[in-house]
Amino acid sequence: MVKKIIIALTTIVLVISTLSVKGQDPHFSQFYANPLYLNPAFAGTAICPRLIMNYRNQWPSISGTYVTYNASYDQHFDAISGGVGLIVNTDRAGEGTLVTNTVSGIYSYKLTVNRFFSIKTGFQATYFQKNLDWEKLTFGDQIDPKHGFVYNTNEKQPDLKKQAVDFSVGILGYSENIYGGVAVHHLTEPDEGFISVSKLPMKITAHVGGVINLKSSARHYHRRKLEDPTLSPNLLYMQQQNFQQMNYGLYLNKYPFVGGMWFRQNFQNPDALILLVGFEQPMFKFGYSYDITVSKLSNASGGAHEFSFTFQFDCKPAKKRIRTINCPSF
């Protein structure tokens, strides 16, 4: 019985934290496999229509943690000098105790600086809705020292649905072998609190990387082919209120397979070692990654499993050559 009460009190603390502490966004280890979620300026960078689906299950060995589903579609249109995109995201925490659904529309404008370098800027408008399942919550006044949870709570039930509109922007610069960008999400810091005002903090993301063609006959002025072996080092930095995160690692592409290794940490503690394997074809890409937890939480949490699938549609040949971004797929 004591053990049950301790578990219950721990649950209460977690629930109170969920209701009052400022939120943070779900994150994906395969961030280039979810480009529109990373930076709205990526909309239309594949030129032809592109459909992407992502799934992440974080800490599966711990009951009631975080499962995130994401789907996006984007393509380039000459008539509007840029790309459009749509993102749908669902995040389930605590076995569905807290569910966040978002739908985002994106427009990105493409500026060709010269034949070697292009810039894209993106604007994103998002509608989000948070739903709280009150029946799944437990409180301290429900506990009987002998019989456990037998009483009804006197806690006042809040409004179980929170919704708002949010805005984000991004910029992306890229040449044949170097690319980088900055995105700022939640410009208006919308209120997402259920029992008090709780602003969703602004999130700043910076990412940079390059592609090294390992084919001995390759020249810097030859555009890389899908079959060419490449090595791609990358760096990503994120900040949301007081939380900071750094990802650094590299991808190795040996067609049709892709492998990757990453390390994720904040500036005080290590978080996870990320291992990735992918399979790539001209029309589709599939990736799987596993986060090996190296923090004090330990890998007894089950780490995190993540799957990504991209389907690249054909499109009509462009009347003029349009440079696509040459960056990793996962």
Protein backbone atom coordinates (compact mmCIF):
# COMPACT_ATOMS: atom_id res chain seq x y z
CA MET A 1 0.00 0.00 0.00
CA VAL A 2 2.84 2.40 0.82
CA LYS A 3 4.32 1.68 -2.59
CA LYS A 4 0.99 2.51 -4.27
CA ILE A 5 0.76 5.80 -2.39
CA ILE A 6 4.31 6.76 -3.37
CA ILE A 7 3.50 6.03 -7.01
CA ALA A 8 0.30 8.06 -6.72
CA LEU A 9 2.09 11.04 -5.19
CA THR A 10 4.69 10.90 -7.94
CA THR A 11 1.88 10.94 -10.48
CA ILE A 12 0.33 13.97 -8.77
CA VAL A 13 3.59 15.90 -8.96
CA LEU A 14 3.90 15.10 -12.66
CA VAL A 15 0.30 16.15 -13.32
CA ILE A 16 0.72 19.44 -11.45
CA SER A 17 3.87 20.08 -13.44
CA THR A 18 1.97 19.44 -16.65
CA LEU A 19 -0.72 21.93 -15.64
CA SER A 20 1.53 24.75 -14.45
CA VAL A 21 5.02 24.53 -15.94
CA LYS A 22 5.66 26.14 -19.31
CA GLY A 23 5.52 23.63 -22.13
CA GLN A 24 8.15 22.57 -24.62
CA ASP A 25 7.78 21.18 -28.13
CA PRO A 26 8.18 17.53 -29.09
CA HIS A 27 11.50 16.91 -30.82
CA PHE A 28 12.61 14.45 -33.48
CA SER A 29 16.02 12.81 -33.68
CA GLN A 30 15.70 12.51 -37.46
CA PHE A 31 15.15 16.23 -37.86
CA TYR A 32 16.02 16.34 -41.59
CA ALA A 33 13.43 13.59 -42.13
CA ASN A 34 10.89 16.12 -40.82
CA PRO A 35 12.13 19.28 -42.54
CA LEU A 36 8.99 21.42 -42.36
CA TYR A 37 8.78 20.81 -38.61
CA LEU A 38 12.42 21.85 -38.29
CA ASN A 39 12.19 25.03 -40.35
CA PRO A 40 9.24 26.37 -42.43
CA ALA A 41 11.72 27.61 -45.05
CA PHE A 42 12.16 23.98 -46.17
CA ALA A 43 8.69 24.02 -47.80
CA GLY A 44 9.12 23.32 -51.49
CA THR A 45 12.86 22.57 -51.38
CA ALA A 46 12.31 19.19 -53.06
CA ILE A 47 10.54 21.05 -55.93
CA CYS A 48 8.22 18.11 -56.77
CA PRO A 49 5.40 17.09 -54.40
CA ARG A 50 6.64 15.36 -51.25
CA LEU A 51 4.76 13.45 -48.55
CA ILE A 52 6.48 12.71 -45.21
CA MET A 53 5.29 10.70 -42.22
CA ASN A 54 7.04 10.42 -38.84
CA TYR A 55 6.46 8.45 -35.65
CA ARG A 56 8.31 8.76 -32.34
CA ASN A 57 7.87 6.75 -29.14
CA GLN A 58 9.95 8.18 -26.29
CA TRP A 59 10.77 6.19 -23.13
CA PRO A 60 8.51 3.21 -23.99
CA SER A 61 9.59 1.26 -20.88
CA ILE A 62 8.01 3.93 -18.66
CA SER A 63 4.23 3.77 -18.58
CA GLY A 64 2.36 6.72 -20.03
CA THR A 65 5.12 8.75 -21.67
CA TYR A 66 5.32 10.49 -25.03
CA VAL A 67 4.17 9.31 -28.46
CA THR A 68 4.21 11.73 -31.39
CA TYR A 69 2.75 11.39 -34.89
CA ASN A 70 3.57 13.81 -37.70
CA ALA A 71 2.66 14.10 -41.37
CA SER A 72 3.52 16.82 -43.89
CA TYR A 73 3.11 17.66 -47.57
CA ASP A 74 4.92 20.29 -49.61
CA GLN A 75 5.84 21.31 -53.16
CA HIS A 76 7.21 24.22 -55.19
CA PHE A 77 5.12 26.46 -57.49
CA ASP A 78 6.76 28.71 -60.05
CA ALA A 79 3.68 30.95 -60.13
CA ILE A 80 4.22 32.06 -56.52
CA SER A 81 8.05 31.94 -56.60
CA GLY A 82 8.19 29.51 -53.72
CA GLY A 83 6.71 26.55 -51.93
CA VAL A 84 3.67 25.70 -49.88
CA GLY A 85 3.37 23.12 -47.14
CA LEU A 86 0.94 21.55 -44.70
CA ILE A 87 1.86 19.90 -41.38
CA VAL A 88 -0.38 17.86 -39.06
CA ASN A 89 1.02 16.82 -35.67
CA THR A 90 -0.38 14.86 -32.71
CA ASP A 91 1.48 14.48 -29.41
CA ARG A 92 0.14 12.15 -26.70
CA ALA A 93 1.53 12.36 -23.15
CA GLY A 94 0.63 10.19 -20.17
CA GLU A 95 -1.24 7.52 -22.17
CA GLY A 96 -3.40 10.22 -23.71
CA THR A 97 -3.93 12.23 -20.53
CA LEU A 98 -2.69 15.30 -22.40
CA VAL A 99 -3.13 15.37 -26.18
CA THR A 100 -1.89 18.21 -28.38
CA ASN A 101 -3.05 18.49 -32.00
CA THR A 102 -1.68 21.08 -34.42
CA VAL A 103 -2.34 21.96 -38.07
CA SER A 104 0.04 24.33 -39.86
CA GLY A 105 0.09 26.02 -43.25
CA ILE A 106 3.38 27.27 -44.72
CA TYR A 107 4.50 29.56 -47.52
CA SER A 108 8.18 29.90 -48.42
CA TYR A 109 9.72 32.38 -50.85
CA LYS A 110 12.78 31.44 -52.90
CA LEU A 111 15.46 33.96 -53.85
CA THR A 112 18.24 32.87 -56.22
CA VAL A 113 21.26 34.99 -55.29
CA ASN A 114 23.45 33.52 -58.04
CA ARG A 115 23.97 30.21 -59.80
CA PHE A 116 25.70 28.79 -56.73
CA PHE A 117 23.69 30.12 -53.78
CA SER A 118 19.97 30.42 -52.94
CA ILE A 119 17.96 31.73 -49.98
CA LYS A 120 14.52 30.69 -48.82
CA THR A 121 12.34 32.39 -46.22
CA GLY A 122 9.30 30.73 -44.69
CA PHE A 123 6.19 31.85 -42.81
CA GLN A 124 4.03 29.41 -40.84
CA ALA A 125 0.58 29.83 -39.30
CA THR A 126 -0.54 27.15 -36.82
CA TYR A 127 -3.77 26.26 -35.10
CA PHE A 128 -3.25 24.15 -31.98
CA GLN A 129 -5.60 22.43 -29.58
CA LYS A 130 -4.74 20.82 -26.25
CA ASN A 131 -7.13 18.33 -24.66
CA LEU A 132 -6.95 17.15 -21.04
CA ASP A 133 -8.58 13.85 -20.02
CA TRP A 134 -9.71 14.63 -16.46
CA GLU A 135 -10.80 11.03 -15.78
CA LYS A 136 -7.19 9.84 -16.07
CA LEU A 137 -5.88 12.22 -13.38
CA THR A 138 -5.44 11.25 -9.73
CA PHE A 139 -5.09 13.57 -6.71
CA GLY A 140 -3.91 13.32 -3.12
CA ASP A 141 -7.37 13.73 -1.56
CA GLN A 142 -8.52 10.52 -3.29
CA ILE A 143 -6.12 8.36 -1.25
CA ASP A 144 -7.15 6.33 1.78
CA PRO A 145 -4.04 5.20 3.74
CA LYS A 146 -5.42 1.66 3.96
CA HIS A 147 -7.50 1.12 0.83
CA GLY A 148 -5.80 3.41 -1.70
CA PHE A 149 -7.83 5.43 -4.22
CA VAL A 150 -11.40 5.28 -2.87
CA TYR A 151 -12.51 8.93 -2.55
CA ASN A 152 -13.74 11.50 -5.04
CA THR A 153 -11.49 14.49 -5.48
CA ASN A 154 -12.47 18.01 -4.44
CA GLU A 155 -10.25 19.52 -7.13
CA LYS A 156 -12.15 21.87 -9.41
CA GLN A 157 -12.25 20.69 -12.99
CA PRO A 158 -10.88 23.31 -15.41
CA ASP A 159 -11.80 23.83 -19.03
CA LEU A 160 -10.51 20.62 -20.64
CA LYS A 161 -9.77 22.15 -24.04
CA LYS A 162 -7.31 24.91 -24.90
CA GLN A 163 -6.91 26.31 -28.40
CA ALA A 164 -5.06 29.19 -30.03
CA VAL A 165 -3.31 30.39 -33.18
CA ASP A 166 0.48 30.52 -33.40
CA PHE A 167 3.05 31.88 -35.90
CA SER A 168 6.60 30.93 -36.87
CA VAL A 169 9.25 32.07 -39.38
CA GLY A 170 12.43 30.65 -40.83
CA ILE A 171 15.29 31.38 -43.21
CA LEU A 172 17.49 28.95 -45.10
CA GLY A 173 20.60 29.45 -47.22
CA TYR A 174 22.19 26.75 -49.35
CA SER A 175 24.70 26.06 -52.08
CA GLU A 176 25.75 22.76 -53.62
CA ASN A 177 27.61 21.45 -50.57
CA ILE A 178 26.90 23.83 -47.65
CA TYR A 179 23.58 24.74 -46.04
CA GLY A 180 22.25 26.31 -42.87
CA GLY A 181 19.27 28.10 -41.43
CA VAL A 182 17.48 29.62 -38.45
CA ALA A 183 13.85 29.14 -37.40
CA VAL A 184 11.86 30.96 -34.72
CA HIS A 185 8.69 29.20 -33.58
CA HIS A 186 5.89 30.57 -31.34
CA LEU A 187 6.48 34.25 -32.11
CA THR A 188 3.38 35.28 -30.14
CA GLU A 189 3.99 32.83 -27.25
CA PRO A 190 0.33 31.73 -27.01
CA ASP A 191 -1.26 30.80 -23.69
CA GLU A 192 -1.68 27.02 -23.31
CA GLY A 193 -2.47 26.82 -19.57
CA PHE A 194 -5.56 25.05 -18.21
CA ILE A 195 -5.74 26.51 -14.68
CA SER A 196 -3.57 29.61 -15.07
CA VAL A 197 -1.75 31.59 -17.74
CA SER A 198 1.08 29.48 -19.16
CA LYS A 199 2.84 30.92 -22.19
CA LEU A 200 4.38 28.56 -24.74
CA PRO A 201 7.96 29.91 -24.89
CA MET A 202 9.52 31.00 -28.14
CA LYS A 203 11.77 28.34 -29.67
CA ILE A 204 14.90 29.26 -31.63
CA THR A 205 16.56 26.64 -33.83
CA ALA A 206 19.84 26.99 -35.76
CA HIS A 207 21.18 24.26 -38.01
CA VAL A 208 24.20 24.02 -40.31
CA GLY A 209 25.91 21.26 -42.25
CA GLY A 210 27.71 20.19 -45.36
CA VAL A 211 28.05 17.35 -47.84
CA ILE A 212 31.44 15.86 -48.75
CA ASN A 213 31.38 13.81 -51.94
CA LEU A 214 33.60 10.76 -51.45
CA LYS A 215 33.63 9.82 -55.11
CA SER A 216 37.21 10.30 -56.29
CA SER A 217 36.19 11.48 -59.74
CA ALA A 218 33.74 14.09 -58.45
CA ARG A 219 34.41 17.78 -59.07
CA HIS A 220 33.05 20.71 -57.08
CA TYR A 221 31.09 22.00 -60.06
CA HIS A 222 29.37 18.67 -60.71
CA ARG A 223 26.05 18.24 -58.98
CA ARG A 224 26.01 15.25 -56.65
CA LYS A 225 24.10 12.20 -57.82
CA LEU A 226 21.99 10.07 -55.51
CA GLU A 227 24.37 7.14 -56.05
CA ASP A 228 27.50 9.07 -55.02
CA PRO A 229 28.90 8.10 -51.58
CA THR A 230 28.92 11.08 -49.23
CA LEU A 231 29.83 12.07 -45.69
CA SER A 232 27.72 14.79 -44.10
CA PRO A 233 28.64 16.43 -40.76
CA ASN A 234 25.86 18.48 -39.15
CA LEU A 235 25.19 20.63 -36.10
CA LEU A 236 21.86 21.67 -34.60
CA TYR A 237 21.19 24.03 -31.68
CA MET A 238 17.81 24.67 -30.02
CA GLN A 239 16.77 27.02 -27.24
CA GLN A 240 13.34 27.26 -25.64
CA GLN A 241 13.19 29.53 -22.60
CA ASN A 242 15.93 28.23 -20.23
CA PHE A 243 16.29 24.89 -22.00
CA GLN A 244 19.14 24.49 -24.50
CA GLN A 245 20.01 21.50 -26.64
CA MET A 246 22.89 20.68 -28.97
CA ASN A 247 22.94 17.86 -31.54
CA TYR A 248 26.09 17.03 -33.45
CA GLY A 249 27.01 14.09 -35.61
CA LEU A 250 27.27 12.87 -39.18
CA TYR A 251 25.63 10.82 -41.89
CA LEU A 252 27.32 8.32 -44.21
CA ASN A 253 25.50 7.70 -47.50
CA LYS A 254 26.43 4.58 -49.47
CA TYR A 255 23.55 4.08 -51.89
CA PRO A 256 20.98 2.75 -51.23
CA PHE A 257 21.81 2.77 -47.50
CA VAL A 258 22.31 5.63 -45.08
CA GLY A 259 23.87 5.39 -41.62
CA GLY A 260 24.21 8.04 -38.96
CA MET A 261 25.45 8.65 -35.45
CA TRP A 262 24.53 11.63 -33.27
CA PHE A 263 25.09 12.88 -29.77
CA ARG A 264 22.48 15.07 -28.05
CA GLN A 265 23.08 17.10 -24.89
CA ASN A 266 22.39 20.35 -23.14
CA PHE A 267 25.28 22.38 -21.79
CA GLN A 268 25.14 20.73 -18.36
CA ASN A 269 24.23 17.10 -19.00
CA PRO A 270 24.44 14.49 -21.76
CA ASP A 271 21.13 13.15 -23.04
CA ALA A 272 21.38 10.46 -25.71
CA LEU A 273 23.48 8.74 -28.34
CA ILE A 274 21.43 8.40 -31.52
CA LEU A 275 21.97 5.61 -34.05
CA LEU A 276 20.31 5.76 -37.46
CA VAL A 277 19.89 3.44 -40.43
CA GLY A 278 18.01 4.34 -43.60
CA PHE A 279 17.13 3.02 -47.03
CA GLU A 280 16.87 5.43 -49.94
CA GLN A 281 15.46 5.20 -53.47
CA PRO A 282 14.57 7.96 -55.97
CA MET A 283 10.85 7.65 -55.13
CA PHE A 284 10.92 6.91 -51.40
CA LYS A 285 13.05 6.90 -48.24
CA PHE A 286 12.69 4.99 -44.99
CA GLY A 287 14.61 5.58 -41.76
CA TYR A 288 14.78 4.11 -38.27
CA SER A 289 16.66 5.59 -35.34
CA TYR A 290 17.11 4.62 -31.72
CA ASP A 291 18.06 6.97 -28.87
CA ILE A 292 20.35 5.34 -26.31
CA THR A 293 19.74 7.30 -23.11
CA VAL A 294 23.03 8.26 -21.41
CA SER A 295 21.61 10.66 -18.81
CA LYS A 296 20.87 9.74 -15.19
CA LEU A 297 17.49 8.48 -16.37
CA SER A 298 19.51 5.56 -17.90
CA ASN A 299 18.46 3.39 -20.80
CA ALA A 300 16.03 1.54 -18.51
CA SER A 301 13.59 4.12 -19.88
CA GLY A 302 13.67 2.23 -23.17
CA GLY A 303 15.33 5.09 -25.04
CA ALA A 304 13.28 6.26 -28.00
CA HIS A 305 12.21 4.65 -31.26
CA GLU A 306 11.66 6.80 -34.33
CA PHE A 307 10.48 5.92 -37.84
CA SER A 308 10.32 8.14 -40.91
CA PHE A 309 8.92 7.59 -44.39
CA THR A 310 9.17 9.97 -47.36
CA PHE A 311 7.44 9.54 -50.70
CA GLN A 312 8.77 11.74 -53.52
CA PHE A 313 6.28 12.24 -56.35
CA ASP A 314 7.21 12.96 -59.96
CA CYS A 315 6.35 16.35 -61.41
CA LYS A 316 6.38 18.08 -64.78
CA PRO A 317 9.88 19.06 -65.92
CA ALA A 318 10.68 22.62 -64.93
CA LYS A 319 11.01 25.17 -67.71
CA LYS A 320 14.10 26.48 -65.96
CA ARG A 321 16.51 24.75 -63.66
CA ILE A 322 15.61 25.19 -60.00
CA ARG A 323 18.25 24.33 -57.42
CA THR A 324 17.13 21.86 -54.78
CA ILE A 325 18.78 21.78 -51.36
CA ASN A 326 21.48 19.14 -51.13
CA CYS A 327 21.14 18.06 -47.51
CA PRO A 328 20.63 14.75 -45.65
CA SER A 329 17.31 12.93 -45.85
CA PHE A 330 17.17 11.89 -42.18
